[in-house]
Amino acid sequence: ESASVLMDEELPLETSERMLQLAQNVPGVLGAHDLRTRMSGTHWFVQLHLDLPASLTLQQAHDLCEAAELAIRAEFPRAEVLVHADPQH
């Protein structure tokens, strides 16, 4: 039983769904998926994939990833967010 205390936990489903919604609401983002979360103490670690137009420059794609990260952190300040960009043709 003591081992379960050491294990990382996932965030509640409604929190994960809200984070996906925030990322998808960023203008220019086509979609968001594969959101994975874990809690370690007071830290929340969040990873997700953004579907972005393949025609974007690297700078534009980076800016959209950053905007999605900031949108999530604005509502969930304790989240450390890692965004992967997936080009959509």
N, C-alpha and C. Protein backbone atom coordinates (compact mmCIF):
# COMPACT_ATOMS: atom_id res chain seq x y z
N GLU A 1 0.83 -1.21 0.00
CA GLU A 1 0.00 0.00 0.00
C GLU A 1 0.86 1.26 0.00
N SER A 2 1.98 1.23 0.70
CA SER A 2 2.84 2.41 0.75
C SER A 2 3.43 2.74 -0.61
N ALA A 3 3.57 1.74 -1.48
CA ALA A 3 4.14 1.98 -2.81
C ALA A 3 3.25 2.90 -3.64
N SER A 4 1.94 2.82 -3.45
CA SER A 4 1.02 3.63 -4.25
C SER A 4 1.18 5.12 -3.95
N VAL A 5 1.66 5.46 -2.78
CA VAL A 5 1.87 6.86 -2.42
C VAL A 5 2.99 7.47 -3.27
N LEU A 6 3.96 6.66 -3.65
CA LEU A 6 5.10 7.15 -4.41
C LEU A 6 4.79 7.30 -5.90
N MET A 7 3.74 6.66 -6.36
CA MET A 7 3.43 6.68 -7.79
C MET A 7 2.83 8.02 -8.20
N ASP A 8 3.18 8.45 -9.40
CA ASP A 8 2.58 9.67 -9.94
C ASP A 8 1.14 9.38 -10.32
N GLU A 9 0.30 10.38 -10.17
CA GLU A 9 -1.10 10.25 -10.54
C GLU A 9 -1.39 11.12 -11.75
N GLU A 10 -2.40 10.72 -12.51
CA GLU A 10 -2.86 11.56 -13.61
C GLU A 10 -3.81 12.62 -13.06
N LEU A 11 -3.94 13.70 -13.82
CA LEU A 11 -4.90 14.74 -13.45
C LEU A 11 -6.30 14.24 -13.75
N PRO A 12 -7.32 14.81 -13.10
CA PRO A 12 -8.70 14.42 -13.38
C PRO A 12 -9.05 14.63 -14.85
N LEU A 13 -9.93 13.79 -15.37
CA LEU A 13 -10.31 13.83 -16.78
C LEU A 13 -10.83 15.20 -17.20
N GLU A 14 -11.65 15.83 -16.34
CA GLU A 14 -12.21 17.13 -16.72
C GLU A 14 -11.12 18.19 -16.86
N THR A 15 -10.05 18.05 -16.07
CA THR A 15 -8.92 18.98 -16.18
C THR A 15 -8.20 18.76 -17.51
N SER A 16 -7.95 17.50 -17.85
CA SER A 16 -7.30 17.17 -19.12
C SER A 16 -8.12 17.64 -20.31
N GLU A 17 -9.42 17.44 -20.24
CA GLU A 17 -10.30 17.86 -21.33
C GLU A 17 -10.30 19.38 -21.48
N ARG A 18 -10.26 20.08 -20.36
CA ARG A 18 -10.22 21.55 -20.39
C ARG A 18 -8.90 22.02 -21.02
N MET A 19 -7.81 21.35 -20.69
CA MET A 19 -6.51 21.72 -21.27
C MET A 19 -6.51 21.53 -22.78
N LEU A 20 -7.09 20.42 -23.24
CA LEU A 20 -7.19 20.18 -24.69
C LEU A 20 -8.02 21.28 -25.35
N GLN A 21 -9.12 21.64 -24.69
CA GLN A 21 -10.01 22.69 -25.21
C GLN A 21 -9.26 24.02 -25.32
N LEU A 22 -8.50 24.36 -24.30
CA LEU A 22 -7.74 25.61 -24.31
C LEU A 22 -6.73 25.62 -25.46
N ALA A 23 -6.06 24.50 -25.68
CA ALA A 23 -5.08 24.41 -26.76
C ALA A 23 -5.76 24.51 -28.12
N GLN A 24 -6.91 23.85 -28.27
CA GLN A 24 -7.63 23.86 -29.54
C GLN A 24 -8.22 25.22 -29.85
N ASN A 25 -8.45 26.03 -28.82
CA ASN A 25 -9.04 27.36 -29.02
C ASN A 25 -8.03 28.39 -29.50
N VAL A 26 -6.75 28.05 -29.53
CA VAL A 26 -5.73 28.98 -30.01
C VAL A 26 -5.91 29.14 -31.52
N PRO A 27 -6.11 30.38 -32.00
CA PRO A 27 -6.30 30.59 -33.44
C PRO A 27 -5.13 30.05 -34.25
N GLY A 28 -5.45 29.25 -35.27
CA GLY A 28 -4.41 28.65 -36.10
C GLY A 28 -4.16 27.19 -35.78
N VAL A 29 -4.58 26.76 -34.59
CA VAL A 29 -4.41 25.35 -34.21
C VAL A 29 -5.57 24.55 -34.80
N LEU A 30 -5.24 23.47 -35.50
CA LEU A 30 -6.26 22.64 -36.15
C LEU A 30 -6.86 21.62 -35.19
N GLY A 31 -6.09 21.22 -34.22
CA GLY A 31 -6.58 20.24 -33.26
C GLY A 31 -5.51 19.95 -32.22
N ALA A 32 -5.91 19.27 -31.16
CA ALA A 32 -4.99 18.87 -30.10
C ALA A 32 -5.37 17.46 -29.67
N HIS A 33 -4.36 16.66 -29.37
CA HIS A 33 -4.64 15.27 -29.01
C HIS A 33 -3.49 14.70 -28.20
N ASP A 34 -3.65 13.43 -27.79
CA ASP A 34 -2.62 12.70 -27.03
C ASP A 34 -2.13 13.48 -25.82
N LEU A 35 -3.07 14.05 -25.07
CA LEU A 35 -2.68 14.78 -23.87
C LEU A 35 -2.38 13.78 -22.76
N ARG A 36 -1.20 13.89 -22.20
CA ARG A 36 -0.81 13.02 -21.09
C ARG A 36 -0.44 13.91 -19.91
N THR A 37 -0.86 13.49 -18.73
CA THR A 37 -0.58 14.29 -17.54
C THR A 37 -0.06 13.40 -16.42
N ARG A 38 0.69 14.02 -15.54
CA ARG A 38 1.01 13.37 -14.28
C ARG A 38 1.24 14.44 -13.23
N MET A 39 0.91 14.08 -12.02
CA MET A 39 1.14 14.97 -10.89
C MET A 39 2.28 14.41 -10.08
N SER A 40 3.21 15.27 -9.72
CA SER A 40 4.29 14.88 -8.84
C SER A 40 4.40 15.96 -7.77
N GLY A 41 3.91 15.66 -6.61
CA GLY A 41 3.82 16.69 -5.57
C GLY A 41 2.87 17.78 -6.03
N THR A 42 3.33 19.04 -5.99
CA THR A 42 2.48 20.14 -6.43
C THR A 42 2.67 20.45 -7.91
N HIS A 43 3.58 19.71 -8.56
CA HIS A 43 3.85 19.96 -9.98
C HIS A 43 2.95 19.12 -10.86
N TRP A 44 2.46 19.74 -11.91
CA TRP A 44 1.70 19.03 -12.93
C TRP A 44 2.54 19.00 -14.19
N PHE A 45 2.75 17.82 -14.74
CA PHE A 45 3.48 17.69 -15.99
C PHE A 45 2.49 17.32 -17.08
N VAL A 46 2.47 18.13 -18.12
CA VAL A 46 1.48 17.97 -19.18
C VAL A 46 2.20 17.89 -20.52
N GLN A 47 1.84 16.90 -21.33
CA GLN A 47 2.35 16.79 -22.70
C GLN A 47 1.16 16.66 -23.63
N LEU A 48 1.23 17.33 -24.77
CA LEU A 48 0.18 17.17 -25.76
C LEU A 48 0.73 17.43 -27.15
N HIS A 49 -0.04 17.00 -28.14
CA HIS A 49 0.32 17.20 -29.54
C HIS A 49 -0.66 18.18 -30.16
N LEU A 50 -0.14 19.12 -30.94
CA LEU A 50 -0.98 20.06 -31.69
C LEU A 50 -0.92 19.71 -33.16
N ASP A 51 -2.07 19.68 -33.81
CA ASP A 51 -2.12 19.56 -35.26
C ASP A 51 -2.02 20.97 -35.83
N LEU A 52 -0.99 21.21 -36.64
CA LEU A 52 -0.74 22.53 -37.22
C LEU A 52 -0.62 22.40 -38.74
N PRO A 53 -1.00 23.44 -39.47
CA PRO A 53 -0.83 23.39 -40.93
C PRO A 53 0.64 23.17 -41.30
N ALA A 54 0.88 22.25 -42.22
CA ALA A 54 2.25 21.93 -42.63
C ALA A 54 2.94 23.12 -43.30
N SER A 55 2.14 24.06 -43.79
CA SER A 55 2.71 25.21 -44.51
C SER A 55 3.30 26.27 -43.59
N LEU A 56 3.12 26.13 -42.29
CA LEU A 56 3.66 27.13 -41.36
C LEU A 56 5.18 27.11 -41.37
N THR A 57 5.76 28.27 -41.13
CA THR A 57 7.21 28.31 -40.89
C THR A 57 7.47 27.73 -39.51
N LEU A 58 8.72 27.39 -39.27
CA LEU A 58 9.10 26.88 -37.96
C LEU A 58 8.78 27.91 -36.88
N GLN A 59 9.00 29.17 -37.18
CA GLN A 59 8.71 30.24 -36.21
C GLN A 59 7.21 30.30 -35.90
N GLN A 60 6.38 30.21 -36.93
CA GLN A 60 4.93 30.26 -36.71
C GLN A 60 4.47 29.06 -35.88
N ALA A 61 5.01 27.88 -36.20
CA ALA A 61 4.64 26.68 -35.45
C ALA A 61 5.07 26.82 -33.99
N HIS A 62 6.26 27.33 -33.78
CA HIS A 62 6.77 27.55 -32.42
C HIS A 62 5.86 28.52 -31.67
N ASP A 63 5.46 29.60 -32.33
CA ASP A 63 4.60 30.60 -31.69
C ASP A 63 3.26 30.01 -31.28
N LEU A 64 2.70 29.14 -32.13
CA LEU A 64 1.42 28.51 -31.80
C LEU A 64 1.57 27.53 -30.64
N CYS A 65 2.66 26.80 -30.62
CA CYS A 65 2.92 25.89 -29.49
C CYS A 65 3.04 26.69 -28.20
N GLU A 66 3.75 27.81 -28.27
CA GLU A 66 3.92 28.65 -27.10
C GLU A 66 2.58 29.25 -26.65
N ALA A 67 1.76 29.66 -27.61
CA ALA A 67 0.44 30.23 -27.28
C ALA A 67 -0.43 29.18 -26.59
N ALA A 68 -0.36 27.94 -27.05
CA ALA A 68 -1.14 26.86 -26.42
C ALA A 68 -0.64 26.61 -25.00
N GLU A 69 0.67 26.62 -24.84
CA GLU A 69 1.26 26.44 -23.51
C GLU A 69 0.80 27.55 -22.57
N LEU A 70 0.86 28.79 -23.05
CA LEU A 70 0.47 29.93 -22.21
C LEU A 70 -1.02 29.91 -21.88
N ALA A 71 -1.83 29.47 -22.83
CA ALA A 71 -3.28 29.39 -22.59
C ALA A 71 -3.57 28.40 -21.46
N ILE A 72 -2.87 27.28 -21.47
CA ILE A 72 -3.06 26.28 -20.42
C ILE A 72 -2.52 26.79 -19.09
N ARG A 73 -1.33 27.41 -19.12
CA ARG A 73 -0.72 27.87 -17.87
C ARG A 73 -1.48 29.05 -17.26
N ALA A 74 -2.18 29.82 -18.09
CA ALA A 74 -2.96 30.94 -17.56
C ALA A 74 -4.06 30.42 -16.64
N GLU A 75 -4.63 29.27 -16.99
CA GLU A 75 -5.71 28.70 -16.18
C GLU A 75 -5.18 27.71 -15.13
N PHE A 76 -4.07 27.08 -15.46
CA PHE A 76 -3.48 26.08 -14.56
C PHE A 76 -2.00 26.42 -14.33
N PRO A 77 -1.73 27.40 -13.46
CA PRO A 77 -0.36 27.92 -13.30
C PRO A 77 0.67 26.88 -12.87
N ARG A 78 0.22 25.82 -12.22
CA ARG A 78 1.20 24.84 -11.74
C ARG A 78 1.59 23.82 -12.82
N ALA A 79 1.00 23.94 -13.99
CA ALA A 79 1.28 22.99 -15.07
C ALA A 79 2.59 23.34 -15.79
N GLU A 80 3.41 22.33 -15.97
CA GLU A 80 4.59 22.45 -16.82
C GLU A 80 4.22 21.77 -18.13
N VAL A 81 4.15 22.54 -19.21
CA VAL A 81 3.54 22.06 -20.45
C VAL A 81 4.59 21.84 -21.53
N LEU A 82 4.56 20.67 -22.14
CA LEU A 82 5.43 20.34 -23.26
C LEU A 82 4.54 20.07 -24.48
N VAL A 83 4.73 20.86 -25.52
CA VAL A 83 3.87 20.76 -26.70
C VAL A 83 4.66 20.21 -27.88
N HIS A 84 4.11 19.22 -28.55
CA HIS A 84 4.69 18.66 -29.76
C HIS A 84 3.86 19.16 -30.95
N ALA A 85 4.51 19.56 -32.01
CA ALA A 85 3.80 20.03 -33.21
C ALA A 85 3.73 18.91 -34.24
N ASP A 86 2.52 18.60 -34.70
CA ASP A 86 2.32 17.60 -35.74
C ASP A 86 1.83 18.30 -37.01
N PRO A 87 2.62 18.27 -38.10
CA PRO A 87 2.18 18.93 -39.34
C PRO A 87 1.03 18.18 -40.01
N GLN A 88 0.05 18.94 -40.44
CA GLN A 88 -1.11 18.36 -41.14
C GLN A 88 -1.07 18.83 -42.59
N HIS A 89 -1.09 17.90 -43.54
CA HIS A 89 -1.02 18.26 -44.96
C HIS A 89 -2.41 18.45 -45.53
